[in-house]
Amino acid sequence: MTRNTRRARAIAIAEAKPNARMVTLRYLMLAAGAIAASLALLLSHFI
């Protein structure tokens, strides 16, 4: 395997889609942030 082939394979692996667990975790954190912001906005109206 030549150096360019190895480099191309490393780049392809680095650019591969992230695994499903990380994507799920990212969306859960995004949802938690959105819920927290919504609650803060609602509480600020009632106080």
Protein backbone atom coordinates (compact mmCIF):
# COMPACT_ATOMS: atom_id res chain seq x y z
CA MET A 1 0.00 0.00 0.00
CA THR A 2 1.50 3.29 -1.03
CA ARG A 3 1.64 6.37 1.09
CA ASN A 4 -1.08 8.12 -0.95
CA THR A 5 -3.40 5.14 -0.64
CA ARG A 6 -2.92 5.08 3.11
CA ARG A 7 -3.55 8.81 3.31
CA ALA A 8 -6.69 8.58 1.18
CA ARG A 9 -8.01 5.76 3.36
CA ALA A 10 -7.32 7.75 6.55
CA ILE A 11 -9.14 10.78 5.14
CA ALA A 12 -12.10 8.62 4.09
CA ILE A 13 -12.33 7.12 7.58
CA ALA A 14 -12.11 10.55 9.19
CA GLU A 15 -14.90 11.88 6.97
CA ALA A 16 -17.15 8.87 7.52
CA LYS A 17 -20.52 9.45 9.11
CA PRO A 18 -20.37 9.59 12.92
CA ASN A 19 -21.84 6.56 14.64
CA ALA A 20 -25.52 6.54 15.52
CA ARG A 21 -24.91 6.79 19.27
CA MET A 22 -23.09 10.12 18.93
CA VAL A 23 -25.77 11.51 16.60
CA THR A 24 -28.49 10.47 19.04
CA LEU A 25 -26.63 12.00 21.96
CA ARG A 26 -26.14 15.24 20.04
CA TYR A 27 -29.86 15.52 19.24
CA LEU A 28 -30.81 14.71 22.83
CA MET A 29 -28.55 17.45 24.13
CA LEU A 30 -29.99 19.87 21.57
CA ALA A 31 -33.53 18.95 22.66
CA ALA A 32 -32.61 19.36 26.34
CA GLY A 33 -31.23 22.82 25.63
CA ALA A 34 -34.35 23.82 23.73
CA ILE A 35 -36.59 22.60 26.55
CA ALA A 36 -34.52 24.45 29.14
CA ALA A 37 -34.71 27.66 27.09
CA SER A 38 -38.46 27.29 26.66
CA LEU A 39 -38.98 26.73 30.38
CA ALA A 40 -36.83 29.74 31.22
CA LEU A 41 -38.87 31.88 28.83
CA LEU A 42 -42.15 30.65 30.29
CA LEU A 43 -40.98 31.19 33.87
CA SER A 44 -39.83 34.70 33.07
CA HIS A 45 -43.35 35.54 31.91
CA PHE A 46 -44.97 34.23 35.08
CA ILE A 47 -42.58 35.85 37.52
